[in-house]
């Protein structure tokens, strides 16, 4: 009976497996966490890479804008350096005009200023577009202002230069304004009007 009592007072130890205490259970629970952690880390790396790329692109845009502005300023400064002496020539010519110099010396001074200005433009790559009478009309470099018949000039060719044009390399700054020789039909209809 003592033995029965002892057995009754001792907690019964039925061997029941607790799923939480199983050696394999923690691995099964940890397995989903590992891929999630890897995905989370990949996402963080991708977000960080995107932010770095956006910052790099923003810095690139800023540097490009600064470089463009600097290049523009340097270009303007170079043109200004070549034009300042022309301004000096203008001042000298005006000084002669105010000292009651004769008209010939004033014209000579203004001609020197014009020549200096043309040289400054040429040093900066700006050249005149100066078509000659009977040159073929070039719509990329000439602007037709009117029809002007001139004997010996082929129809559709330049018959008169109204104003010279200007170009910087292959960029037309201002086309030359010209008159064109009309065709025979255009000349005939103008005479009968």
C-alpha atoms as a PDB file:
ATOM      1  CA  UNK A   1       0.000   0.000   0.000  1.00  0.00           C
ATOM      2  CA  UNK A   2       2.838   2.314   0.672  1.00  0.00           C
ATOM      3  CA  UNK A   3       3.960   1.612  -2.744  1.00  0.00           C
ATOM      4  CA  UNK A   4       0.544   2.389  -4.156  1.00  0.00           C
ATOM      5  CA  UNK A   5       0.468   5.605  -2.217  1.00  0.00           C
ATOM      6  CA  UNK A   6       3.865   6.599  -3.451  1.00  0.00           C
ATOM      7  CA  UNK A   7       2.779   5.970  -7.002  1.00  0.00           C
ATOM      8  CA  UNK A   8      -0.353   7.958  -6.501  1.00  0.00           C
ATOM      9  CA  UNK A   9       1.538  10.931  -5.032  1.00  0.00           C
ATOM     10  CA  UNK A  10       4.214  10.877  -7.696  1.00  0.00           C
ATOM     11  CA  UNK A  11       3.157  12.537 -10.819  1.00  0.00           C
ATOM     12  CA  UNK A  12       2.632  10.128 -13.516  1.00  0.00           C
ATOM     13  CA  UNK A  13       5.116  10.374 -16.240  1.00  0.00           C
ATOM     14  CA  UNK A  14       3.379   9.266 -19.294  1.00  0.00           C
ATOM     15  CA  UNK A  15       5.659   9.771 -22.178  1.00  0.00           C
ATOM     16  CA  UNK A  16       3.754  12.272 -24.282  1.00  0.00           C
ATOM     17  CA  UNK A  17       5.745  14.054 -27.013  1.00  0.00           C
ATOM     18  CA  UNK A  18       5.424  17.778 -26.937  1.00  0.00           C
ATOM     19  CA  UNK A  19       5.598  19.126 -30.474  1.00  0.00           C
ATOM     20  CA  UNK A  20       7.278  22.296 -29.195  1.00  0.00           C
ATOM     21  CA  UNK A  21      10.075  20.299 -27.653  1.00  0.00           C
ATOM     22  CA  UNK A  22      10.778  18.168 -30.687  1.00  0.00           C
ATOM     23  CA  UNK A  23      14.288  18.564 -32.052  1.00  0.00           C
ATOM     24  CA  UNK A  24      13.020  18.888 -35.610  1.00  0.00           C
ATOM     25  CA  UNK A  25      10.336  21.461 -34.814  1.00  0.00           C
ATOM     26  CA  UNK A  26      12.692  24.453 -34.274  1.00  0.00           C
ATOM     27  CA  UNK A  27      14.339  23.841 -37.644  1.00  0.00           C
ATOM     28  CA  UNK A  28      10.964  23.724 -39.360  1.00  0.00           C
ATOM     29  CA  UNK A  29       9.976  27.019 -37.738  1.00  0.00           C
ATOM     30  CA  UNK A  30      13.330  28.635 -38.531  1.00  0.00           C
ATOM     31  CA  UNK A  31      13.349  27.542 -42.157  1.00  0.00           C
ATOM     32  CA  UNK A  32      10.622  29.991 -43.265  1.00  0.00           C
ATOM     33  CA  UNK A  33      12.355  32.793 -41.342  1.00  0.00           C
ATOM     34  CA  UNK A  34      15.675  32.281 -43.170  1.00  0.00           C
ATOM     35  CA  UNK A  35      14.269  32.812 -46.706  1.00  0.00           C
ATOM     36  CA  UNK A  36      12.228  35.765 -45.434  1.00  0.00           C
ATOM     37  CA  UNK A  37      15.350  37.286 -43.903  1.00  0.00           C
ATOM     38  CA  UNK A  38      17.260  36.703 -47.146  1.00  0.00           C
ATOM     39  CA  UNK A  39      14.467  38.339 -49.162  1.00  0.00           C
ATOM     40  CA  UNK A  40      14.309  41.245 -46.712  1.00  0.00           C
ATOM     41  CA  UNK A  41      18.060  41.713 -47.013  1.00  0.00           C
ATOM     42  CA  UNK A  42      17.866  41.545 -50.827  1.00  0.00           C
ATOM     43  CA  UNK A  43      15.089  44.139 -50.788  1.00  0.00           C
ATOM     44  CA  UNK A  44      17.121  46.453 -48.544  1.00  0.00           C
ATOM     45  CA  UNK A  45      20.145  46.078 -50.837  1.00  0.00           C
ATOM     46  CA  UNK A  46      18.013  46.769 -53.929  1.00  0.00           C
ATOM     47  CA  UNK A  47      16.466  49.852 -52.315  1.00  0.00           C
ATOM     48  CA  UNK A  48      19.926  51.096 -51.274  1.00  0.00           C
ATOM     49  CA  UNK A  49      21.278  50.468 -54.800  1.00  0.00           C
ATOM     50  CA  UNK A  50      18.326  52.351 -56.303  1.00  0.00           C
ATOM     51  CA  UNK A  51      18.903  55.279 -53.945  1.00  0.00           C
ATOM     52  CA  UNK A  52      22.612  55.345 -54.828  1.00  0.00           C
ATOM     53  CA  UNK A  53      21.790  55.233 -58.548  1.00  0.00           C
ATOM     54  CA  UNK A  54      19.272  58.067 -58.163  1.00  0.00           C
ATOM     55  CA  UNK A  55      21.802  60.129 -56.205  1.00  0.00           C
ATOM     56  CA  UNK A  56      24.482  59.416 -58.836  1.00  0.00           C
ATOM     57  CA  UNK A  57      22.097  60.455 -61.620  1.00  0.00           C
ATOM     58  CA  UNK A  58      21.121  63.613 -59.758  1.00  0.00           C
ATOM     59  CA  UNK A  59      24.811  64.455 -59.266  1.00  0.00           C
ATOM     60  CA  UNK A  60      25.458  63.754 -62.964  1.00  0.00           C
ATOM     61  CA  UNK A  61      22.645  66.118 -63.982  1.00  0.00           C
ATOM     62  CA  UNK A  62      23.943  68.821 -61.641  1.00  0.00           C
ATOM     63  CA  UNK A  63      27.523  68.453 -62.940  1.00  0.00           C
ATOM     64  CA  UNK A  64      26.320  68.477 -66.562  1.00  0.00           C
ATOM     65  CA  UNK A  65      24.335  71.643 -65.926  1.00  0.00           C
ATOM     66  CA  UNK A  66      27.317  73.272 -64.202  1.00  0.00           C
ATOM     67  CA  UNK A  67      29.641  72.230 -67.052  1.00  0.00           C
ATOM     68  CA  UNK A  68      27.214  73.603 -69.638  1.00  0.00           C
ATOM     69  CA  UNK A  69      26.938  76.879 -67.749  1.00  0.00           C
ATOM     70  CA  UNK A  70      30.720  77.097 -67.360  1.00  0.00           C
ATOM     71  CA  UNK A  71      31.266  76.357 -71.075  1.00  0.00           C
ATOM     72  CA  UNK A  72      28.692  78.982 -72.041  1.00  0.00           C
ATOM     73  CA  UNK A  73      30.369  81.559 -69.793  1.00  0.00           C
ATOM     74  CA  UNK A  74      33.804  80.717 -71.194  1.00  0.00           C
ATOM     75  CA  UNK A  75      32.473  81.034 -74.744  1.00  0.00           C
ATOM     76  CA  UNK A  76      30.908  84.397 -74.009  1.00  0.00           C
ATOM     77  CA  UNK A  77      34.105  85.555 -72.313  1.00  0.00           C
ATOM     78  CA  UNK A  78      36.148  84.548 -75.368  1.00  0.00           C
ATOM     79  CA  UNK A  79      33.843  86.484 -77.707  1.00  0.00           C
ATOM     80  CA  UNK A  80      33.859  89.480 -75.356  1.00  0.00           C
ATOM     81  CA  UNK A  81      37.686  89.480 -75.281  1.00  0.00           C
ATOM     82  CA  UNK A  82      37.750  89.789 -79.072  1.00  0.00           C
ATOM     83  CA  UNK A  83      35.091  92.530 -79.133  1.00  0.00           C
ATOM     84  CA  UNK A  84      36.579  94.784 -76.442  1.00  0.00           C
ATOM     85  CA  UNK A  85      39.313  96.098 -78.787  1.00  0.00           C
ATOM     86  CA  UNK A  86      36.585  96.930 -81.323  1.00  0.00           C
ATOM     87  CA  UNK A  87      34.851  99.005 -78.659  1.00  0.00           C
ATOM     88  CA  UNK A  88      38.155 100.789 -78.057  1.00  0.00           C
ATOM     89  CA  UNK A  89      38.311 101.595 -81.781  1.00  0.00           C
ATOM     90  CA  UNK A  90      34.764 102.992 -81.644  1.00  0.00           C
ATOM     91  CA  UNK A  91      35.760 105.252 -78.764  1.00  0.00           C
ATOM     92  CA  UNK A  92      38.795 106.495 -80.711  1.00  0.00           C
ATOM     93  CA  UNK A  93      36.631 107.178 -83.784  1.00  0.00           C
ATOM     94  CA  UNK A  94      34.096 109.072 -81.673  1.00  0.00           C
ATOM     95  CA  UNK A  95      36.950 111.024 -80.087  1.00  0.00           C
ATOM     96  CA  UNK A  96      38.053 112.130 -83.547  1.00  0.00           C
ATOM     97  CA  UNK A  97      34.503 113.152 -84.441  1.00  0.00           C
ATOM     98  CA  UNK A  98      34.223 115.360 -81.390  1.00  0.00           C
ATOM     99  CA  UNK A  99      37.572 117.039 -82.097  1.00  0.00           C
ATOM    100  CA  UNK A 100      36.168 118.414 -85.337  1.00  0.00           C
ATOM    101  CA  UNK A 101      38.158 116.069 -87.543  1.00  0.00           C
ATOM    102  CA  UNK A 102      37.262 116.029 -91.193  1.00  0.00           C
ATOM    103  CA  UNK A 103      34.688 113.628 -92.564  1.00  0.00           C
ATOM    104  CA  UNK A 104      37.332 111.536 -94.331  1.00  0.00           C
ATOM    105  CA  UNK A 105      39.163 110.713 -91.106  1.00  0.00           C
ATOM    106  CA  UNK A 106      35.846 109.871 -89.440  1.00  0.00           C
ATOM    107  CA  UNK A 107      34.971 107.483 -92.278  1.00  0.00           C
ATOM    108  CA  UNK A 108      38.451 106.002 -92.047  1.00  0.00           C
ATOM    109  CA  UNK A 109      38.005 105.465 -88.296  1.00  0.00           C
ATOM    110  CA  UNK A 110      34.609 103.817 -88.727  1.00  0.00           C
ATOM    111  CA  UNK A 111      36.029 101.601 -91.489  1.00  0.00           C
ATOM    112  CA  UNK A 112      38.786 100.492 -89.108  1.00  0.00           C
ATOM    113  CA  UNK A 113      36.147  99.684 -86.486  1.00  0.00           C
ATOM    114  CA  UNK A 114      34.169  97.648 -89.020  1.00  0.00           C
ATOM    115  CA  UNK A 115      37.310  95.741 -90.036  1.00  0.00           C
ATOM    116  CA  UNK A 116      38.162  95.072 -86.392  1.00  0.00           C
ATOM    117  CA  UNK A 117      34.650  93.837 -85.773  1.00  0.00           C
ATOM    118  CA  UNK A 118      34.807  91.482 -88.773  1.00  0.00           C
ATOM    119  CA  UNK A 119      38.177  90.147 -87.574  1.00  0.00           C
ATOM    120  CA  UNK A 120      36.720  89.536 -84.110  1.00  0.00           C
ATOM    121  CA  UNK A 121      33.824  87.607 -85.629  1.00  0.00           C
ATOM    122  CA  UNK A 122      36.166  85.552 -87.819  1.00  0.00           C
ATOM    123  CA  UNK A 123      38.390  84.696 -84.829  1.00  0.00           C
ATOM    124  CA  UNK A 124      35.269  83.263 -83.223  1.00  0.00           C
ATOM    125  CA  UNK A 125      34.348  81.204 -86.289  1.00  0.00           C
ATOM    126  CA  UNK A 126      31.608  83.528 -87.573  1.00  0.00           C
ATOM    127  CA  UNK A 127      31.805  84.114 -91.323  1.00  0.00           C
ATOM    128  CA  UNK A 128      29.656  86.113 -93.731  1.00  0.00           C
ATOM    129  CA  UNK A 129      27.403  84.458 -96.282  1.00  0.00           C
ATOM    130  CA  UNK A 130      27.995  86.652 -99.309  1.00  0.00           C
ATOM    131  CA  UNK A 131      26.400  85.231-102.446  1.00  0.00           C
ATOM    132  CA  UNK A 132      27.313  86.700-105.814  1.00  0.00           C
ATOM    133  CA  UNK A 133      24.939  87.662-108.604  1.00  0.00           C
ATOM    134  CA  UNK A 134      24.043  84.567-110.665  1.00  0.00           C
ATOM    135  CA  UNK A 135      24.906  82.156-107.812  1.00  0.00           C
ATOM    136  CA  UNK A 136      22.502  79.274-107.495  1.00  0.00           C
ATOM    137  CA  UNK A 137      19.852  79.886-104.824  1.00  0.00           C
ATOM    138  CA  UNK A 138      20.560  77.828-101.674  1.00  0.00           C
ATOM    139  CA  UNK A 139      17.443  77.699 -99.471  1.00  0.00           C
ATOM    140  CA  UNK A 140      19.577  76.583 -96.508  1.00  0.00           C
ATOM    141  CA  UNK A 141      21.751  79.731 -96.650  1.00  0.00           C
ATOM    142  CA  UNK A 142      19.655  82.262 -98.598  1.00  0.00           C
ATOM    143  CA  UNK A 143      16.264  83.862 -98.012  1.00  0.00           C
ATOM    144  CA  UNK A 144      14.419  84.966-101.155  1.00  0.00           C
ATOM    145  CA  UNK A 145      12.934  88.418-100.590  1.00  0.00           C
ATOM    146  CA  UNK A 146      11.640  89.220-104.088  1.00  0.00           C
ATOM    147  CA  UNK A 147      11.867  88.533-107.806  1.00  0.00           C
ATOM    148  CA  UNK A 148      14.207  90.902-109.649  1.00  0.00           C
ATOM    149  CA  UNK A 149      14.891  90.409-113.348  1.00  0.00           C
ATOM    150  CA  UNK A 150      18.504  90.990-114.347  1.00  0.00           C
ATOM    151  CA  UNK A 151      19.791  90.366-117.850  1.00  0.00           C
ATOM    152  CA  UNK A 152      22.131  87.394-118.081  1.00  0.00           C
ATOM    153  CA  UNK A 153      21.067  85.829-114.755  1.00  0.00           C
ATOM    154  CA  UNK A 154      19.556  82.362-114.957  1.00  0.00           C
ATOM    155  CA  UNK A 155      16.006  81.974-113.607  1.00  0.00           C
ATOM    156  CA  UNK A 156      15.957  81.003-109.940  1.00  0.00           C
ATOM    157  CA  UNK A 157      19.494  82.315-109.405  1.00  0.00           C
ATOM    158  CA  UNK A 158      20.529  85.247-107.222  1.00  0.00           C
ATOM    159  CA  UNK A 159      19.940  88.500-109.101  1.00  0.00           C
ATOM    160  CA  UNK A 160      20.714  90.882-106.227  1.00  0.00           C
ATOM    161  CA  UNK A 161      22.045  90.652-102.663  1.00  0.00           C
ATOM    162  CA  UNK A 162      19.862  92.650-100.293  1.00  0.00           C
ATOM    163  CA  UNK A 163      21.778  91.788 -97.101  1.00  0.00           C
ATOM    164  CA  UNK A 164      24.661  89.443 -96.281  1.00  0.00           C
ATOM    165  CA  UNK A 165      24.034  86.507 -94.009  1.00  0.00           C
ATOM    166  CA  UNK A 166      26.163  84.998 -91.238  1.00  0.00           C
ATOM    167  CA  UNK A 167      27.135  81.486 -90.245  1.00  0.00           C
ATOM    168  CA  UNK A 168      29.029  79.871 -87.398  1.00  0.00           C
ATOM    169  CA  UNK A 169      30.595  76.757 -88.865  1.00  0.00           C
ATOM    170  CA  UNK A 170      27.686  74.983 -90.520  1.00  0.00           C
ATOM    171  CA  UNK A 171      25.044  76.777 -88.412  1.00  0.00           C
ATOM    172  CA  UNK A 172      23.333  79.612 -90.253  1.00  0.00           C
ATOM    173  CA  UNK A 173      22.924  82.531 -87.850  1.00  0.00           C
ATOM    174  CA  UNK A 174      21.120  84.635 -90.437  1.00  0.00           C
ATOM    175  CA  UNK A 175      20.523  83.686 -94.077  1.00  0.00           C
ATOM    176  CA  UNK A 176      21.601  86.085 -96.798  1.00  0.00           C
ATOM    177  CA  UNK A 177      18.597  88.045 -98.067  1.00  0.00           C
ATOM    178  CA  UNK A 178      18.526  87.914-101.860  1.00  0.00           C
ATOM    179  CA  UNK A 179      16.414  88.663-104.904  1.00  0.00           C
ATOM    180  CA  UNK A 180      15.936  85.909-107.463  1.00  0.00           C
ATOM    181  CA  UNK A 181      15.753  86.146-111.220  1.00  0.00           C
ATOM    182  CA  UNK A 182      12.240  85.154-112.305  1.00  0.00           C
ATOM    183  CA  UNK A 183      11.537  82.494-114.886  1.00  0.00           C
ATOM    184  CA  UNK A 184      10.469  83.557-118.404  1.00  0.00           C
ATOM    185  CA  UNK A 185       6.808  82.895-117.544  1.00  0.00           C
ATOM    186  CA  UNK A 186       7.057  84.993-114.369  1.00  0.00           C
ATOM    187  CA  UNK A 187       8.741  87.839-116.279  1.00  0.00           C
ATOM    188  CA  UNK A 188       6.103  87.714-119.022  1.00  0.00           C
ATOM    189  CA  UNK A 189       3.177  87.798-116.605  1.00  0.00           C
ATOM    190  CA  UNK A 190       4.717  90.762-114.760  1.00  0.00           C
ATOM    191  CA  UNK A 191       5.043  92.737-118.017  1.00  0.00           C
ATOM    192  CA  UNK A 192       1.392  92.092-119.011  1.00  0.00           C
ATOM    193  CA  UNK A 193      -0.042  93.199-115.688  1.00  0.00           C
END
